[in-house]
Amino acid sequence: MHELGLAEDVLKLLKEKAKDQGLLKLSYAKVAIGETLITDQPEFHELFSMISAGSPAEGMKLEIEISPLKAVCSGCKKDFIPKDLRFDCPHCGSTDIKVASGREIIIKEIR
């Protein structure tokens, strides 16, 4: 039930953002989720709908934007998209890389 934990994390962030903006009820949210975090979007939406009952996010439209996995080589400083979970730089072969995106949850818009 990986998606359940993700849905809980997204709901927590939405509640915090709604509180910060003084919103008592949300009708829409756009959320960027890293591709390494979400594996089954329909299951995520179903679980989110269930756990958001009684919260400011109940019944709102939730738009998901998938953030692709990207990495940066510490050696040559070039960006790349890892292939087949290989985390070595395709430009210089270094294995000293940093994940730049693909593991985040960002609330992009709420209303």
N, C-alpha and C. Protein backbone atom coordinates (compact mmCIF):
# COMPACT_ATOMS: atom_id res chain seq x y z
N MET A 1 0.82 -1.20 0.00
CA MET A 1 0.00 0.00 0.00
C MET A 1 0.86 1.26 0.00
N HIS A 2 1.81 1.30 -0.89
CA HIS A 2 2.70 2.45 -1.03
C HIS A 2 1.90 3.72 -1.31
N GLU A 3 0.87 3.60 -2.15
CA GLU A 3 0.08 4.77 -2.54
C GLU A 3 -0.65 5.38 -1.35
N LEU A 4 -0.98 4.58 -0.35
CA LEU A 4 -1.67 5.12 0.83
C LEU A 4 -0.78 6.12 1.56
N GLY A 5 0.46 5.78 1.79
CA GLY A 5 1.39 6.71 2.45
C GLY A 5 1.57 7.98 1.64
N LEU A 6 1.64 7.84 0.33
CA LEU A 6 1.78 9.00 -0.54
C LEU A 6 0.54 9.88 -0.46
N ALA A 7 -0.64 9.25 -0.49
CA ALA A 7 -1.89 10.01 -0.39
C ALA A 7 -1.96 10.76 0.94
N GLU A 8 -1.51 10.13 2.01
CA GLU A 8 -1.49 10.79 3.32
C GLU A 8 -0.55 11.98 3.32
N ASP A 9 0.62 11.83 2.70
CA ASP A 9 1.58 12.93 2.61
C ASP A 9 1.01 14.10 1.81
N VAL A 10 0.37 13.80 0.69
CA VAL A 10 -0.22 14.85 -0.15
C VAL A 10 -1.33 15.56 0.61
N LEU A 11 -2.19 14.81 1.28
CA LEU A 11 -3.27 15.42 2.04
C LEU A 11 -2.73 16.33 3.14
N LYS A 12 -1.71 15.88 3.83
CA LYS A 12 -1.10 16.70 4.90
C LYS A 12 -0.59 18.03 4.33
N LEU A 13 0.11 17.96 3.19
CA LEU A 13 0.63 19.19 2.57
C LEU A 13 -0.49 20.11 2.11
N LEU A 14 -1.56 19.52 1.56
CA LEU A 14 -2.70 20.33 1.10
C LEU A 14 -3.38 21.02 2.28
N LYS A 15 -3.54 20.31 3.38
CA LYS A 15 -4.17 20.92 4.56
C LYS A 15 -3.32 22.08 5.09
N GLU A 16 -2.01 21.88 5.13
CA GLU A 16 -1.11 22.94 5.60
C GLU A 16 -1.19 24.17 4.70
N LYS A 17 -1.17 23.93 3.39
CA LYS A 17 -1.21 25.04 2.43
C LYS A 17 -2.56 25.77 2.51
N ALA A 18 -3.65 25.00 2.65
CA ALA A 18 -4.98 25.61 2.76
C ALA A 18 -5.05 26.47 4.02
N LYS A 19 -4.51 25.96 5.12
CA LYS A 19 -4.52 26.71 6.38
C LYS A 19 -3.71 28.00 6.23
N ASP A 20 -2.52 27.89 5.61
CA ASP A 20 -1.67 29.06 5.40
C ASP A 20 -2.37 30.14 4.58
N GLN A 21 -3.21 29.70 3.63
CA GLN A 21 -3.90 30.66 2.75
C GLN A 21 -5.30 31.02 3.25
N GLY A 22 -5.68 30.49 4.41
CA GLY A 22 -6.98 30.81 4.98
C GLY A 22 -8.15 30.18 4.24
N LEU A 23 -7.91 29.07 3.57
CA LEU A 23 -8.98 28.39 2.83
C LEU A 23 -9.60 27.30 3.70
N LEU A 24 -10.90 27.33 3.82
CA LEU A 24 -11.59 26.32 4.62
C LEU A 24 -11.98 25.11 3.78
N LYS A 25 -12.14 25.31 2.49
CA LYS A 25 -12.55 24.24 1.57
C LYS A 25 -11.77 24.38 0.28
N LEU A 26 -11.26 23.26 -0.23
CA LEU A 26 -10.54 23.25 -1.50
C LEU A 26 -11.44 22.68 -2.59
N SER A 27 -11.40 23.30 -3.76
CA SER A 27 -12.15 22.77 -4.90
C SER A 27 -11.21 22.18 -5.95
N TYR A 28 -9.92 22.59 -5.89
CA TYR A 28 -8.97 22.15 -6.91
C TYR A 28 -7.55 22.21 -6.35
N ALA A 29 -6.75 21.25 -6.76
CA ALA A 29 -5.31 21.30 -6.45
C ALA A 29 -4.54 20.66 -7.58
N LYS A 30 -3.39 21.27 -7.88
CA LYS A 30 -2.46 20.71 -8.84
C LYS A 30 -1.20 20.36 -8.05
N VAL A 31 -0.81 19.08 -8.13
CA VAL A 31 0.30 18.59 -7.34
C VAL A 31 1.31 17.89 -8.26
N ALA A 32 2.58 18.28 -8.14
CA ALA A 32 3.65 17.59 -8.86
C ALA A 32 4.19 16.51 -7.94
N ILE A 33 4.24 15.28 -8.46
CA ILE A 33 4.73 14.14 -7.69
C ILE A 33 5.83 13.47 -8.50
N GLY A 34 6.96 13.23 -7.85
CA GLY A 34 8.08 12.58 -8.52
C GLY A 34 7.73 11.18 -8.98
N GLU A 35 8.22 10.83 -10.16
CA GLU A 35 7.86 9.53 -10.75
C GLU A 35 8.34 8.35 -9.91
N THR A 36 9.32 8.54 -9.06
CA THR A 36 9.77 7.44 -8.21
C THR A 36 8.83 7.22 -7.02
N LEU A 37 7.93 8.17 -6.77
CA LEU A 37 7.03 8.06 -5.63
C LEU A 37 5.69 7.43 -5.97
N ILE A 38 5.20 7.63 -7.18
CA ILE A 38 3.86 7.16 -7.53
C ILE A 38 3.96 6.01 -8.53
N THR A 39 3.29 4.92 -8.20
CA THR A 39 3.34 3.75 -9.07
C THR A 39 2.00 3.42 -9.71
N ASP A 40 0.90 3.84 -9.08
CA ASP A 40 -0.43 3.50 -9.58
C ASP A 40 -1.36 4.69 -9.36
N GLN A 41 -1.50 5.53 -10.39
CA GLN A 41 -2.31 6.75 -10.25
C GLN A 41 -3.77 6.47 -9.91
N PRO A 42 -4.43 5.51 -10.58
CA PRO A 42 -5.83 5.25 -10.21
C PRO A 42 -5.98 4.83 -8.74
N GLU A 43 -5.08 4.00 -8.26
CA GLU A 43 -5.13 3.60 -6.85
C GLU A 43 -4.88 4.81 -5.94
N PHE A 44 -3.92 5.64 -6.32
CA PHE A 44 -3.64 6.84 -5.54
C PHE A 44 -4.89 7.71 -5.43
N HIS A 45 -5.54 7.97 -6.57
CA HIS A 45 -6.74 8.82 -6.57
C HIS A 45 -7.85 8.21 -5.71
N GLU A 46 -8.03 6.91 -5.80
CA GLU A 46 -9.06 6.23 -5.00
C GLU A 46 -8.76 6.36 -3.51
N LEU A 47 -7.52 6.10 -3.13
CA LEU A 47 -7.14 6.20 -1.72
C LEU A 47 -7.22 7.64 -1.23
N PHE A 48 -6.79 8.58 -2.06
CA PHE A 48 -6.86 9.98 -1.67
C PHE A 48 -8.31 10.39 -1.43
N SER A 49 -9.19 9.96 -2.29
CA SER A 49 -10.61 10.27 -2.13
C SER A 49 -11.15 9.72 -0.81
N MET A 50 -10.73 8.52 -0.45
CA MET A 50 -11.19 7.90 0.79
C MET A 50 -10.66 8.64 2.02
N ILE A 51 -9.36 8.93 2.04
CA ILE A 51 -8.78 9.52 3.25
C ILE A 51 -9.05 11.02 3.39
N SER A 52 -9.47 11.67 2.30
CA SER A 52 -9.73 13.10 2.38
C SER A 52 -11.15 13.40 2.87
N ALA A 53 -11.97 12.36 3.06
CA ALA A 53 -13.33 12.57 3.56
C ALA A 53 -13.28 13.32 4.89
N GLY A 54 -14.09 14.35 4.99
CA GLY A 54 -14.15 15.15 6.21
C GLY A 54 -13.07 16.21 6.32
N SER A 55 -12.21 16.31 5.32
CA SER A 55 -11.14 17.30 5.34
C SER A 55 -11.48 18.42 4.35
N PRO A 56 -10.70 19.51 4.36
CA PRO A 56 -10.93 20.58 3.38
C PRO A 56 -10.77 20.11 1.93
N ALA A 57 -10.12 18.98 1.73
CA ALA A 57 -9.88 18.47 0.38
C ALA A 57 -10.95 17.50 -0.11
N GLU A 58 -11.95 17.23 0.72
CA GLU A 58 -12.98 16.26 0.33
C GLU A 58 -13.69 16.70 -0.94
N GLY A 59 -13.75 15.80 -1.93
CA GLY A 59 -14.48 16.05 -3.17
C GLY A 59 -13.80 16.99 -4.15
N MET A 60 -12.62 17.48 -3.85
CA MET A 60 -11.97 18.42 -4.77
C MET A 60 -11.40 17.70 -6.00
N LYS A 61 -11.16 18.46 -7.04
CA LYS A 61 -10.50 17.93 -8.24
C LYS A 61 -9.00 17.96 -7.97
N LEU A 62 -8.35 16.81 -8.13
CA LEU A 62 -6.91 16.71 -7.90
C LEU A 62 -6.22 16.37 -9.21
N GLU A 63 -5.39 17.30 -9.67
CA GLU A 63 -4.62 17.10 -10.90
C GLU A 63 -3.20 16.72 -10.51
N ILE A 64 -2.71 15.62 -11.07
CA ILE A 64 -1.37 15.14 -10.78
C ILE A 64 -0.47 15.41 -11.99
N GLU A 65 0.68 16.01 -11.72
CA GLU A 65 1.72 16.22 -12.73
C GLU A 65 2.91 15.37 -12.29
N ILE A 66 3.37 14.49 -13.14
CA ILE A 66 4.49 13.61 -12.79
C ILE A 66 5.81 14.32 -13.10
N SER A 67 6.66 14.42 -12.08
CA SER A 67 8.00 14.99 -12.26
C SER A 67 8.96 13.88 -12.62
N PRO A 68 9.60 13.96 -13.77
CA PRO A 68 10.50 12.87 -14.19
C PRO A 68 11.76 12.79 -13.33
N LEU A 69 12.30 11.60 -13.26
CA LEU A 69 13.56 11.38 -12.54
C LEU A 69 14.69 12.01 -13.35
N LYS A 70 15.43 12.90 -12.72
CA LYS A 70 16.58 13.55 -13.35
C LYS A 70 17.73 13.52 -12.37
N ALA A 71 18.93 13.47 -12.90
CA ALA A 71 20.13 13.44 -12.07
C ALA A 71 21.16 14.43 -12.61
N VAL A 72 22.12 14.77 -11.74
CA VAL A 72 23.22 15.66 -12.11
C VAL A 72 24.51 14.97 -11.71
N CYS A 73 25.46 14.94 -12.63
CA CYS A 73 26.76 14.34 -12.37
C CYS A 73 27.61 15.32 -11.57
N SER A 74 28.17 14.84 -10.47
CA SER A 74 29.04 15.71 -9.66
C SER A 74 30.38 15.94 -10.35
N GLY A 75 30.75 15.02 -11.26
CA GLY A 75 32.03 15.15 -11.97
C GLY A 75 31.97 16.17 -13.08
N CYS A 76 31.14 15.93 -14.09
CA CYS A 76 31.11 16.82 -15.25
C CYS A 76 29.99 17.86 -15.19
N LYS A 77 29.15 17.78 -14.15
CA LYS A 77 28.07 18.76 -13.91
C LYS A 77 26.94 18.73 -14.93
N LYS A 78 26.85 17.68 -15.74
CA LYS A 78 25.79 17.59 -16.74
C LYS A 78 24.57 16.89 -16.16
N ASP A 79 23.38 17.35 -16.61
CA ASP A 79 22.12 16.73 -16.24
C ASP A 79 21.87 15.53 -17.15
N PHE A 80 21.18 14.53 -16.61
CA PHE A 80 20.77 13.40 -17.44
C PHE A 80 19.59 12.70 -16.80
N ILE A 81 18.92 11.87 -17.59
CA ILE A 81 17.82 11.05 -17.11
C ILE A 81 18.34 9.62 -16.98
N PRO A 82 18.39 9.10 -15.75
CA PRO A 82 18.90 7.73 -15.56
C PRO A 82 18.06 6.73 -16.34
N LYS A 83 18.72 5.77 -16.94
CA LYS A 83 18.06 4.71 -17.71
C LYS A 83 18.17 3.40 -16.96
N ASP A 84 17.10 2.65 -16.92
CA ASP A 84 17.09 1.32 -16.31
C ASP A 84 17.69 1.33 -14.91
N LEU A 85 17.42 2.38 -14.16
CA LEU A 85 17.92 2.54 -12.80
C LEU A 85 19.45 2.49 -12.70
N ARG A 86 20.14 2.79 -13.79
CA ARG A 86 21.61 2.91 -13.76
C ARG A 86 21.92 4.34 -13.38
N PHE A 87 22.67 4.49 -12.32
CA PHE A 87 23.00 5.81 -11.83
C PHE A 87 24.47 6.12 -12.05
N ASP A 88 24.90 5.98 -13.30
CA ASP A 88 26.23 6.44 -13.67
C ASP A 88 26.05 7.43 -14.82
N CYS A 89 26.91 8.40 -14.86
CA CYS A 89 26.80 9.47 -15.84
C CYS A 89 27.06 8.93 -17.25
N PRO A 90 26.13 9.16 -18.17
CA PRO A 90 26.34 8.71 -19.55
C PRO A 90 27.37 9.55 -20.29
N HIS A 91 27.75 10.69 -19.73
CA HIS A 91 28.71 11.58 -20.38
C HIS A 91 30.15 11.25 -20.00
N CYS A 92 30.39 11.01 -18.69
CA CYS A 92 31.77 10.78 -18.25
C CYS A 92 31.97 9.47 -17.48
N GLY A 93 30.85 8.76 -17.17
CA GLY A 93 30.96 7.48 -16.49
C GLY A 93 31.02 7.55 -14.97
N SER A 94 31.04 8.73 -14.40
CA SER A 94 31.12 8.89 -12.95
C SER A 94 29.88 8.31 -12.27
N THR A 95 30.07 7.74 -11.10
CA THR A 95 28.94 7.26 -10.30
C THR A 95 28.62 8.23 -9.17
N ASP A 96 29.31 9.35 -9.12
CA ASP A 96 29.06 10.37 -8.11
C ASP A 96 28.01 11.32 -8.66
N ILE A 97 26.74 10.94 -8.51
CA ILE A 97 25.65 11.74 -9.05
C ILE A 97 24.67 12.10 -7.94
N LYS A 98 23.90 13.12 -8.20
CA LYS A 98 22.86 13.58 -7.28
C LYS A 98 21.52 13.56 -8.01
N VAL A 99 20.49 13.06 -7.34
CA VAL A 99 19.15 13.09 -7.92
C VAL A 99 18.64 14.52 -7.81
N ALA A 100 18.27 15.10 -8.95
CA ALA A 100 17.82 16.49 -8.99
C ALA A 100 16.30 16.60 -8.92
N SER A 101 15.58 15.61 -9.42
CA SER A 101 14.12 15.61 -9.34
C SER A 101 13.62 14.18 -9.53
N GLY A 102 12.35 13.99 -9.20
CA GLY A 102 11.73 12.69 -9.35
C GLY A 102 11.38 12.06 -8.02
N ARG A 103 11.70 12.77 -6.90
CA ARG A 103 11.38 12.24 -5.57
C ARG A 103 10.65 13.28 -4.72
N GLU A 104 9.99 14.22 -5.36
CA GLU A 104 9.39 15.33 -4.61
C GLU A 104 7.87 15.34 -4.70
N ILE A 105 7.28 16.05 -3.75
CA ILE A 105 5.85 16.37 -3.77
C ILE A 105 5.77 17.89 -3.66
N ILE A 106 5.22 18.52 -4.69
CA ILE A 106 5.12 19.98 -4.70
C ILE A 106 3.68 20.38 -4.97
N ILE A 107 3.11 21.16 -4.06
CA ILE A 107 1.77 21.70 -4.27
C ILE A 107 1.95 22.92 -5.16
N LYS A 108 1.49 22.81 -6.40
CA LYS A 108 1.69 23.89 -7.36
C LYS A 108 0.57 24.92 -7.34
N GLU A 109 -0.65 24.45 -7.04
CA GLU A 109 -1.79 25.38 -7.05
C GLU A 109 -2.92 24.80 -6.21
N ILE A 110 -3.57 25.65 -5.47
CA ILE A 110 -4.80 25.25 -4.77
C ILE A 110 -5.81 26.39 -4.88
N ARG A 111 -7.06 26.00 -4.85
CA ARG A 111 -8.13 27.02 -4.78
C ARG A 111 -9.37 26.38 -4.22
